[in-house]
Amino acid sequence: QVLISEAGPHSFHVSWAPVLDSVVSYQILYGPLPGN
């Protein structure tokens, strides 16, 4: 699950689950729709 919360005009909070020991890092990619 990916949850978006606390959205303001210039920011929002992203959280995800589960957190696993086998993960080295998370990459969060974001961009406006439509657009690339």
PDB file of all heavy atoms in Angstrom:
ATOM      1  N   GLN A   1       0.831  -1.189   0.000  1.00  0.00           N
ATOM      2  CA  GLN A   1       0.000   0.000   0.000  1.00  0.00           C
ATOM      3  C   GLN A   1       0.866   1.239   0.000  1.00  0.00           C
ATOM      4  O   GLN A   1       1.934   1.267   0.595  1.00  0.00           O
ATOM      5  CB  GLN A   1      -0.985   0.034   1.162  1.00  0.00           C
ATOM      6  CG  GLN A   1      -0.391  -0.367   2.468  1.00  0.00           C
ATOM      7  CD  GLN A   1      -1.411  -0.385   3.605  1.00  0.00           C
ATOM      8  OE1 GLN A   1      -1.035  -0.653   4.710  1.00  0.00           O
ATOM      9  NE2 GLN A   1      -2.667  -0.097   3.375  1.00  0.00           N
ATOM     10  N   VAL A   2       0.408   2.237  -0.744  1.00  0.00           N
ATOM     11  CA  VAL A   2       1.052   3.545  -0.760  1.00  0.00           C
ATOM     12  C   VAL A   2      -0.021   4.532  -0.345  1.00  0.00           C
ATOM     13  O   VAL A   2      -1.094   4.567  -0.942  1.00  0.00           O
ATOM     14  CB  VAL A   2       1.588   3.893  -2.159  1.00  0.00           C
ATOM     15  CG1 VAL A   2       2.073   5.336  -2.204  1.00  0.00           C
ATOM     16  CG2 VAL A   2       2.735   2.966  -2.532  1.00  0.00           C
ATOM     17  N   LEU A   3       0.246   5.290   0.713  1.00  0.00           N
ATOM     18  CA  LEU A   3      -0.747   6.237   1.223  1.00  0.00           C
ATOM     19  C   LEU A   3      -0.241   7.658   1.039  1.00  0.00           C
ATOM     20  O   LEU A   3       0.922   7.950   1.330  1.00  0.00           O
ATOM     21  CB  LEU A   3      -0.990   5.987   2.715  1.00  0.00           C
ATOM     22  CG  LEU A   3      -1.548   4.604   3.052  1.00  0.00           C
ATOM     23  CD1 LEU A   3      -1.515   4.359   4.538  1.00  0.00           C
ATOM     24  CD2 LEU A   3      -2.976   4.482   2.531  1.00  0.00           C
ATOM     25  N   ILE A   4      -1.100   8.511   0.559  1.00  0.00           N
ATOM     26  CA  ILE A   4      -0.779   9.923   0.413  1.00  0.00           C
ATOM     27  C   ILE A   4      -1.577  10.674   1.479  1.00  0.00           C
ATOM     28  O   ILE A   4      -2.770  10.438   1.644  1.00  0.00           O
ATOM     29  CB  ILE A   4      -1.210  10.454  -0.976  1.00  0.00           C
ATOM     30  CG1 ILE A   4      -0.684   9.541  -2.094  1.00  0.00           C
ATOM     31  CG2 ILE A   4      -0.785  11.902  -1.154  1.00  0.00           C
ATOM     32  CD1 ILE A   4       0.784   9.589  -2.339  1.00  0.00           C
ATOM     33  N   SER A   5      -0.911  11.553   2.224  1.00  0.00           N
ATOM     34  CA  SER A   5      -1.629  12.291   3.260  1.00  0.00           C
ATOM     35  C   SER A   5      -1.044  13.693   3.366  1.00  0.00           C
ATOM     36  O   SER A   5      -0.024  14.008   2.746  1.00  0.00           O
ATOM     37  CB  SER A   5      -1.529  11.557   4.601  1.00  0.00           C
ATOM     38  OG  SER A   5      -0.171  11.382   4.949  1.00  0.00           O
ATOM     39  N   GLU A   6      -1.698  14.512   4.190  1.00  0.00           N
ATOM     40  CA  GLU A   6      -1.214  15.859   4.493  1.00  0.00           C
ATOM     41  C   GLU A   6      -0.863  16.640   3.232  1.00  0.00           C
ATOM     42  O   GLU A   6       0.199  17.268   3.147  1.00  0.00           O
ATOM     43  CB  GLU A   6       0.026  15.780   5.407  1.00  0.00           C
ATOM     44  CG  GLU A   6      -0.273  15.146   6.756  1.00  0.00           C
ATOM     45  CD  GLU A   6       0.995  14.823   7.533  1.00  0.00           C
ATOM     46  OE1 GLU A   6       1.935  15.628   7.483  1.00  0.00           O
ATOM     47  OE2 GLU A   6       1.035  13.772   8.181  1.00  0.00           O
ATOM     48  N   ALA A   7      -1.747  16.583   2.239  1.00  0.00           N
ATOM     49  CA  ALA A   7      -1.465  17.307   0.995  1.00  0.00           C
ATOM     50  C   ALA A   7      -1.687  18.800   1.195  1.00  0.00           C
ATOM     51  O   ALA A   7      -2.721  19.221   1.728  1.00  0.00           O
ATOM     52  CB  ALA A   7      -2.369  16.786  -0.117  1.00  0.00           C
ATOM     53  N   GLY A   8      -0.698  19.589   0.810  1.00  0.00           N
ATOM     54  CA  GLY A   8      -0.827  21.043   0.803  1.00  0.00           C
ATOM     55  C   GLY A   8      -0.640  21.524  -0.622  1.00  0.00           C
ATOM     56  O   GLY A   8      -0.571  20.714  -1.547  1.00  0.00           O
ATOM     57  N   PRO A   9      -0.539  22.833  -0.834  1.00  0.00           N
ATOM     58  CA  PRO A   9      -0.345  23.316  -2.204  1.00  0.00           C
ATOM     59  C   PRO A   9       1.012  22.917  -2.797  1.00  0.00           C
ATOM     60  O   PRO A   9       1.130  22.764  -4.001  1.00  0.00           O
ATOM     61  CB  PRO A   9      -0.456  24.837  -2.085  1.00  0.00           C
ATOM     62  CG  PRO A   9      -0.678  25.166  -0.661  1.00  0.00           C
ATOM     63  CD  PRO A   9      -0.774  23.904   0.134  1.00  0.00           C
ATOM     64  N   HIS A  10       2.034  22.753  -1.944  1.00  0.00           N
ATOM     65  CA  HIS A  10       3.385  22.522  -2.479  1.00  0.00           C
ATOM     66  C   HIS A  10       4.030  21.241  -1.992  1.00  0.00           C
ATOM     67  O   HIS A  10       5.202  20.997  -2.263  1.00  0.00           O
ATOM     68  CB  HIS A  10       4.306  23.696  -2.111  1.00  0.00           C
ATOM     69  CG  HIS A  10       3.804  25.002  -2.643  1.00  0.00           C
ATOM     70  ND1 HIS A  10       3.784  25.290  -3.981  1.00  0.00           N
ATOM     71  CD2 HIS A  10       3.261  26.074  -2.012  1.00  0.00           C
ATOM     72  CE1 HIS A  10       3.267  26.502  -4.159  1.00  0.00           C
ATOM     73  NE2 HIS A  10       2.922  26.988  -2.981  1.00  0.00           N
ATOM     74  N   SER A  11       3.297  20.432  -1.233  1.00  0.00           N
ATOM     75  CA  SER A  11       3.920  19.213  -0.708  1.00  0.00           C
ATOM     76  C   SER A  11       2.837  18.205  -0.333  1.00  0.00           C
ATOM     77  O   SER A  11       1.669  18.556  -0.200  1.00  0.00           O
ATOM     78  CB  SER A  11       4.754  19.526   0.540  1.00  0.00           C
ATOM     79  OG  SER A  11       3.898  19.932   1.591  1.00  0.00           O
ATOM     80  N   PHE A  12       3.249  16.957  -0.207  1.00  0.00           N
ATOM     81  CA  PHE A  12       2.386  15.950   0.417  1.00  0.00           C
ATOM     82  C   PHE A  12       3.292  14.901   1.049  1.00  0.00           C
ATOM     83  O   PHE A  12       4.496  14.837   0.794  1.00  0.00           O
ATOM     84  CB  PHE A  12       1.384  15.319  -0.564  1.00  0.00           C
ATOM     85  CG  PHE A  12       1.975  14.854  -1.870  1.00  0.00           C
ATOM     86  CD1 PHE A  12       2.729  13.701  -1.952  1.00  0.00           C
ATOM     87  CD2 PHE A  12       1.745  15.581  -3.037  1.00  0.00           C
ATOM     88  CE1 PHE A  12       3.256  13.273  -3.162  1.00  0.00           C
ATOM     89  CE2 PHE A  12       2.270  15.163  -4.253  1.00  0.00           C
ATOM     90  CZ  PHE A  12       3.035  14.006  -4.321  1.00  0.00           C
ATOM     91  N   HIS A  13       2.672  14.098   1.895  1.00  0.00           N
ATOM     92  CA  HIS A  13       3.381  13.086   2.665  1.00  0.00           C
ATOM     93  C   HIS A  13       3.082  11.743   2.002  1.00  0.00           C
ATOM     94  O   HIS A  13       1.929  11.455   1.691  1.00  0.00           O
ATOM     95  CB  HIS A  13       2.818  13.147   4.094  1.00  0.00           C
ATOM     96  CG  HIS A  13       3.547  12.291   5.051  1.00  0.00           C
ATOM     97  ND1 HIS A  13       3.053  11.100   5.509  1.00  0.00           N
ATOM     98  CD2 HIS A  13       4.746  12.454   5.667  1.00  0.00           C
ATOM     99  CE1 HIS A  13       3.919  10.565   6.369  1.00  0.00           C
ATOM    100  NE2 HIS A  13       4.951  11.370   6.477  1.00  0.00           N
ATOM    101  N   VAL A  14       4.111  10.931   1.759  1.00  0.00           N
ATOM    102  CA  VAL A  14       3.933   9.610   1.158  1.00  0.00           C
ATOM    103  C   VAL A  14       4.391   8.572   2.179  1.00  0.00           C
ATOM    104  O   VAL A  14       5.477   8.696   2.744  1.00  0.00           O
ATOM    105  CB  VAL A  14       4.811   9.446  -0.107  1.00  0.00           C
ATOM    106  CG1 VAL A  14       4.539   8.101  -0.777  1.00  0.00           C
ATOM    107  CG2 VAL A  14       4.585  10.575  -1.087  1.00  0.00           C
ATOM    108  N   SER A  15       3.565   7.566   2.425  1.00  0.00           N
ATOM    109  CA  SER A  15       4.008   6.468   3.289  1.00  0.00           C
ATOM    110  C   SER A  15       3.639   5.154   2.624  1.00  0.00           C
ATOM    111  O   SER A  15       2.775   5.101   1.757  1.00  0.00           O
ATOM    112  CB  SER A  15       3.389   6.583   4.687  1.00  0.00           C
ATOM    113  OG  SER A  15       1.993   6.619   4.594  1.00  0.00           O
ATOM    114  N   TRP A  16       4.316   4.090   3.034  1.00  0.00           N
ATOM    115  CA  TRP A  16       4.093   2.794   2.387  1.00  0.00           C
ATOM    116  C   TRP A  16       4.289   1.684   3.396  1.00  0.00           C
ATOM    117  O   TRP A  16       4.861   1.880   4.460  1.00  0.00           O
ATOM    118  CB  TRP A  16       5.054   2.620   1.194  1.00  0.00           C
ATOM    119  CG  TRP A  16       6.482   2.847   1.550  1.00  0.00           C
ATOM    120  CD1 TRP A  16       7.373   1.938   2.034  1.00  0.00           C
ATOM    121  CD2 TRP A  16       7.189   4.095   1.483  1.00  0.00           C
ATOM    122  NE1 TRP A  16       8.586   2.538   2.273  1.00  0.00           N
ATOM    123  CE2 TRP A  16       8.505   3.859   1.938  1.00  0.00           C
ATOM    124  CE3 TRP A  16       6.827   5.386   1.083  1.00  0.00           C
ATOM    125  CZ2 TRP A  16       9.460   4.862   2.008  1.00  0.00           C
ATOM    126  CZ3 TRP A  16       7.791   6.387   1.156  1.00  0.00           C
ATOM    127  CH2 TRP A  16       9.091   6.128   1.611  1.00  0.00           C
ATOM    128  N   ALA A  17       3.787   0.522   3.043  1.00  0.00           N
ATOM    129  CA  ALA A  17       3.908  -0.667   3.882  1.00  0.00           C
ATOM    130  C   ALA A  17       3.929  -1.890   2.969  1.00  0.00           C
ATOM    131  O   ALA A  17       3.433  -1.826   1.861  1.00  0.00           O
ATOM    132  CB  ALA A  17       2.709  -0.739   4.838  1.00  0.00           C
ATOM    133  N   PRO A  18       4.456  -3.016   3.404  1.00  0.00           N
ATOM    134  CA  PRO A  18       5.191  -3.178   4.662  1.00  0.00           C
ATOM    135  C   PRO A  18       6.634  -2.717   4.516  1.00  0.00           C
ATOM    136  O   PRO A  18       7.098  -2.513   3.401  1.00  0.00           O
ATOM    137  CB  PRO A  18       5.134  -4.692   4.858  1.00  0.00           C
ATOM    138  CG  PRO A  18       5.150  -5.249   3.462  1.00  0.00           C
ATOM    139  CD  PRO A  18       4.375  -4.255   2.631  1.00  0.00           C
ATOM    140  N   VAL A  19       7.335  -2.572   5.647  1.00  0.00           N
ATOM    141  CA  VAL A  19       8.777  -2.320   5.612  1.00  0.00           C
ATOM    142  C   VAL A  19       9.461  -3.667   5.804  1.00  0.00           C
ATOM    143  O   VAL A  19       9.154  -4.396   6.736  1.00  0.00           O
ATOM    144  CB  VAL A  19       9.184  -1.331   6.722  1.00  0.00           C
ATOM    145  CG1 VAL A  19      10.694  -1.213   6.811  1.00  0.00           C
ATOM    146  CG2 VAL A  19       8.574   0.027   6.451  1.00  0.00           C
ATOM    147  N   LEU A  20      10.365  -4.017   4.894  1.00  0.00           N
ATOM    148  CA  LEU A  20      10.971  -5.350   4.902  1.00  0.00           C
ATOM    149  C   LEU A  20      12.478  -5.268   5.107  1.00  0.00           C
ATOM    150  O   LEU A  20      13.134  -4.366   4.595  1.00  0.00           O
ATOM    151  CB  LEU A  20      10.695  -6.036   3.556  1.00  0.00           C
ATOM    152  CG  LEU A  20       9.214  -6.189   3.207  1.00  0.00           C
ATOM    153  CD1 LEU A  20       9.046  -6.483   1.746  1.00  0.00           C
ATOM    154  CD2 LEU A  20       8.599  -7.283   4.045  1.00  0.00           C
ATOM    155  N   ASP A  21      13.013  -6.252   5.823  1.00  0.00           N
ATOM    156  CA  ASP A  21      14.466  -6.291   6.068  1.00  0.00           C
ATOM    157  C   ASP A  21      15.270  -6.439   4.782  1.00  0.00           C
ATOM    158  O   ASP A  21      16.420  -6.027   4.717  1.00  0.00           O
ATOM    159  CB  ASP A  21      14.818  -7.490   6.965  1.00  0.00           C
ATOM    160  CG  ASP A  21      14.374  -7.245   8.399  1.00  0.00           C
ATOM    161  OD1 ASP A  21      14.093  -6.081   8.731  1.00  0.00           O
ATOM    162  OD2 ASP A  21      14.303  -8.217   9.161  1.00  0.00           O
ATOM    163  N   SER A  22      14.652  -7.070   3.778  1.00  0.00           N
ATOM    164  CA  SER A  22      15.421  -7.349   2.564  1.00  0.00           C
ATOM    165  C   SER A  22      15.493  -6.152   1.614  1.00  0.00           C
ATOM    166  O   SER A  22      16.055  -6.252   0.540  1.00  0.00           O
ATOM    167  CB  SER A  22      14.820  -8.557   1.847  1.00  0.00           C
ATOM    168  OG  SER A  22      13.426  -8.390   1.704  1.00  0.00           O
ATOM    169  N   VAL A  23      14.904  -5.014   2.020  1.00  0.00           N
ATOM    170  CA  VAL A  23      14.932  -3.818   1.168  1.00  0.00           C
ATOM    171  C   VAL A  23      16.111  -2.933   1.555  1.00  0.00           C
ATOM    172  O   VAL A  23      16.306  -2.608   2.719  1.00  0.00           O
ATOM    173  CB  VAL A  23      13.612  -3.025   1.301  1.00  0.00           C
ATOM    174  CG1 VAL A  23      13.690  -1.714   0.524  1.00  0.00           C
ATOM    175  CG2 VAL A  23      12.443  -3.855   0.801  1.00  0.00           C
ATOM    176  N   VAL A  24      16.925  -2.566   0.564  1.00  0.00           N
ATOM    177  CA  VAL A  24      18.072  -1.688   0.804  1.00  0.00           C
ATOM    178  C   VAL A  24      17.614  -0.235   0.812  1.00  0.00           C
ATOM    179  O   VAL A  24      18.017   0.562   1.638  1.00  0.00           O
ATOM    180  CB  VAL A  24      19.130  -1.858  -0.306  1.00  0.00           C
ATOM    181  CG1 VAL A  24      20.369  -1.024   0.010  1.00  0.00           C
ATOM    182  CG2 VAL A  24      19.503  -3.303  -0.465  1.00  0.00           C
ATOM    183  N   SER A  25      16.761   0.102  -0.158  1.00  0.00           N
ATOM    184  CA  SER A  25      16.294   1.483  -0.233  1.00  0.00           C
ATOM    185  C   SER A  25      14.970   1.525  -0.993  1.00  0.00           C
ATOM    186  O   SER A  25      14.588   0.559  -1.657  1.00  0.00           O
ATOM    187  CB  SER A  25      17.327   2.360  -0.953  1.00  0.00           C
ATOM    188  OG  SER A  25      17.458   1.948  -2.294  1.00  0.00           O
ATOM    189  N   TYR A  26      14.287   2.645  -0.835  1.00  0.00           N
ATOM    190  CA  TYR A  26      13.073   2.896  -1.611  1.00  0.00           C
ATOM    191  C   TYR A  26      13.340   4.092  -2.517  1.00  0.00           C
ATOM    192  O   TYR A  26      13.978   5.061  -2.098  1.00  0.00           O
ATOM    193  CB  TYR A  26      11.895   3.229  -0.689  1.00  0.00           C
ATOM    194  CG  TYR A  26      11.454   2.071   0.162  1.00  0.00           C
ATOM    195  CD1 TYR A  26      11.918   1.929   1.463  1.00  0.00           C
ATOM    196  CD2 TYR A  26      10.567   1.113  -0.331  1.00  0.00           C
ATOM    197  CE1 TYR A  26      11.515   0.865   2.258  1.00  0.00           C
ATOM    198  CE2 TYR A  26      10.159   0.052   0.458  1.00  0.00           C
ATOM    199  CZ  TYR A  26      10.637  -0.067   1.748  1.00  0.00           C
ATOM    200  OH  TYR A  26      10.239  -1.119   2.516  1.00  0.00           O
ATOM    201  N   GLN A  27      12.842   4.003  -3.748  1.00  0.00           N
ATOM    202  CA  GLN A  27      12.914   5.147  -4.638  1.00  0.00           C
ATOM    203  C   GLN A  27      11.494   5.661  -4.834  1.00  0.00           C
ATOM    204  O   GLN A  27      10.590   4.890  -5.151  1.00  0.00           O
ATOM    205  CB  GLN A  27      13.501   4.748  -5.989  1.00  0.00           C
ATOM    206  CG  GLN A  27      14.988   4.502  -5.909  1.00  0.00           C
ATOM    207  CD  GLN A  27      15.558   4.035  -7.231  1.00  0.00           C
ATOM    208  OE1 GLN A  27      14.829   3.633  -8.119  1.00  0.00           O
ATOM    209  NE2 GLN A  27      16.869   4.088  -7.342  1.00  0.00           N
ATOM    210  N   ILE A  28      11.317   6.950  -4.604  1.00  0.00           N
ATOM    211  CA  ILE A  28      10.010   7.563  -4.796  1.00  0.00           C
ATOM    212  C   ILE A  28      10.104   8.413  -6.056  1.00  0.00           C
ATOM    213  O   ILE A  28      10.857   9.381  -6.111  1.00  0.00           O
ATOM    214  CB  ILE A  28       9.605   8.432  -3.576  1.00  0.00           C
ATOM    215  CG1 ILE A  28       9.360   7.597  -2.304  1.00  0.00           C
ATOM    216  CG2 ILE A  28       8.275   9.141  -3.837  1.00  0.00           C
ATOM    217  CD1 ILE A  28      10.352   6.756  -1.778  1.00  0.00           C
ATOM    218  N   LEU A  29       9.367   7.994  -7.084  1.00  0.00           N
ATOM    219  CA  LEU A  29       9.327   8.750  -8.340  1.00  0.00           C
ATOM    220  C   LEU A  29       8.036   9.535  -8.366  1.00  0.00           C
ATOM    221  O   LEU A  29       6.973   8.987  -8.040  1.00  0.00           O
ATOM    222  CB  LEU A  29       9.351   7.814  -9.553  1.00  0.00           C
ATOM    223  CG  LEU A  29      10.694   7.197  -9.938  1.00  0.00           C
ATOM    224  CD1 LEU A  29      11.106   6.143  -8.964  1.00  0.00           C
ATOM    225  CD2 LEU A  29      10.632   6.632 -11.336  1.00  0.00           C
ATOM    226  N   TYR A  30       8.099  10.802  -8.753  1.00  0.00           N
ATOM    227  CA  TYR A  30       6.865  11.581  -8.810  1.00  0.00           C
ATOM    228  C   TYR A  30       6.951  12.595  -9.940  1.00  0.00           C
ATOM    229  O   TYR A  30       8.019  13.109 -10.257  1.00  0.00           O
ATOM    230  CB  TYR A  30       6.596  12.283  -7.464  1.00  0.00           C
ATOM    231  CG  TYR A  30       7.680  13.246  -7.035  1.00  0.00           C
ATOM    232  CD1 TYR A  30       7.552  14.622  -7.271  1.00  0.00           C
ATOM    233  CD2 TYR A  30       8.824  12.784  -6.401  1.00  0.00           C
ATOM    234  CE1 TYR A  30       8.557  15.498  -6.880  1.00  0.00           C
ATOM    235  CE2 TYR A  30       9.820  13.654  -6.012  1.00  0.00           C
ATOM    236  CZ  TYR A  30       9.690  15.012  -6.249  1.00  0.00           C
ATOM    237  OH  TYR A  30      10.681  15.884  -5.885  1.00  0.00           O
ATOM    238  N   GLY A  31       5.808  12.814 -10.565  1.00  0.00           N
ATOM    239  CA  GLY A  31       5.746  13.784 -11.650  1.00  0.00           C
ATOM    240  C   GLY A  31       4.300  14.151 -11.905  1.00  0.00           C
ATOM    241  O   GLY A  31       3.389  13.362 -11.608  1.00  0.00           O
ATOM    242  N   PRO A  32       4.064  15.367 -12.455  1.00  0.00           N
ATOM    243  CA  PRO A  32       2.693  15.808 -12.709  1.00  0.00           C
ATOM    244  C   PRO A  32       2.049  15.015 -13.837  1.00  0.00           C
ATOM    245  O   PRO A  32       2.726  14.572 -14.751  1.00  0.00           O
ATOM    246  CB  PRO A  32       2.864  17.279 -13.094  1.00  0.00           C
ATOM    247  CG  PRO A  32       4.283  17.416 -13.545  1.00  0.00           C
ATOM    248  CD  PRO A  32       5.069  16.365 -12.836  1.00  0.00           C
ATOM    249  N   LEU A  33       0.740  14.830 -13.720  1.00  0.00           N
ATOM    250  CA  LEU A  33      -0.052  14.203 -14.797  1.00  0.00           C
ATOM    251  C   LEU A  33      -0.862  15.291 -15.479  1.00  0.00           C
ATOM    252  O   LEU A  33      -1.443  16.128 -14.796  1.00  0.00           O
ATOM    253  CB  LEU A  33      -1.017  13.178 -14.208  1.00  0.00           C
ATOM    254  CG  LEU A  33      -0.409  11.879 -13.675  1.00  0.00           C
ATOM    255  CD1 LEU A  33      -1.467  11.074 -12.956  1.00  0.00           C
ATOM    256  CD2 LEU A  33       0.174  11.064 -14.807  1.00  0.00           C
ATOM    257  N   PRO A  34      -1.015  15.319 -16.788  1.00  0.00           N
ATOM    258  CA  PRO A  34      -0.184  14.522 -17.699  1.00  0.00           C
ATOM    259  C   PRO A  34       1.194  15.140 -17.778  1.00  0.00           C
ATOM    260  O   PRO A  34       1.377  16.279 -17.375  1.00  0.00           O
ATOM    261  CB  PRO A  34      -0.928  14.660 -19.035  1.00  0.00           C
ATOM    262  CG  PRO A  34      -1.596  15.997 -18.946  1.00  0.00           C
ATOM    263  CD  PRO A  34      -1.938  16.211 -17.491  1.00  0.00           C
ATOM    264  N   GLY A  35       2.152  14.440 -18.283  1.00  0.00           N
ATOM    265  CA  GLY A  35       3.497  14.983 -18.389  1.00  0.00           C
ATOM    266  C   GLY A  35       4.499  13.881 -18.177  1.00  0.00           C
ATOM    267  O   GLY A  35       4.151  12.784 -17.771  1.00  0.00           O
ATOM    268  N   ASN A  36       5.746  14.165 -18.496  1.00  0.00           N
ATOM    269  CA  ASN A  36       6.752  13.114 -18.341  1.00  0.00           C
ATOM    270  C   ASN A  36       7.983  13.628 -17.612  1.00  0.00           C
ATOM    271  O   ASN A  36       9.052  13.064 -17.731  1.00  0.00           O
ATOM    272  CB  ASN A  36       7.142  12.531 -19.711  1.00  0.00           C
ATOM    273  CG  ASN A  36       7.482  13.633 -20.695  1.00  0.00           C
ATOM    274  OD1 ASN A  36       7.668  14.781 -20.299  1.00  0.00           O
ATOM    275  ND2 ASN A  36       7.571  13.283 -21.964  1.00  0.00           N
TER     276      ASN A  36
END
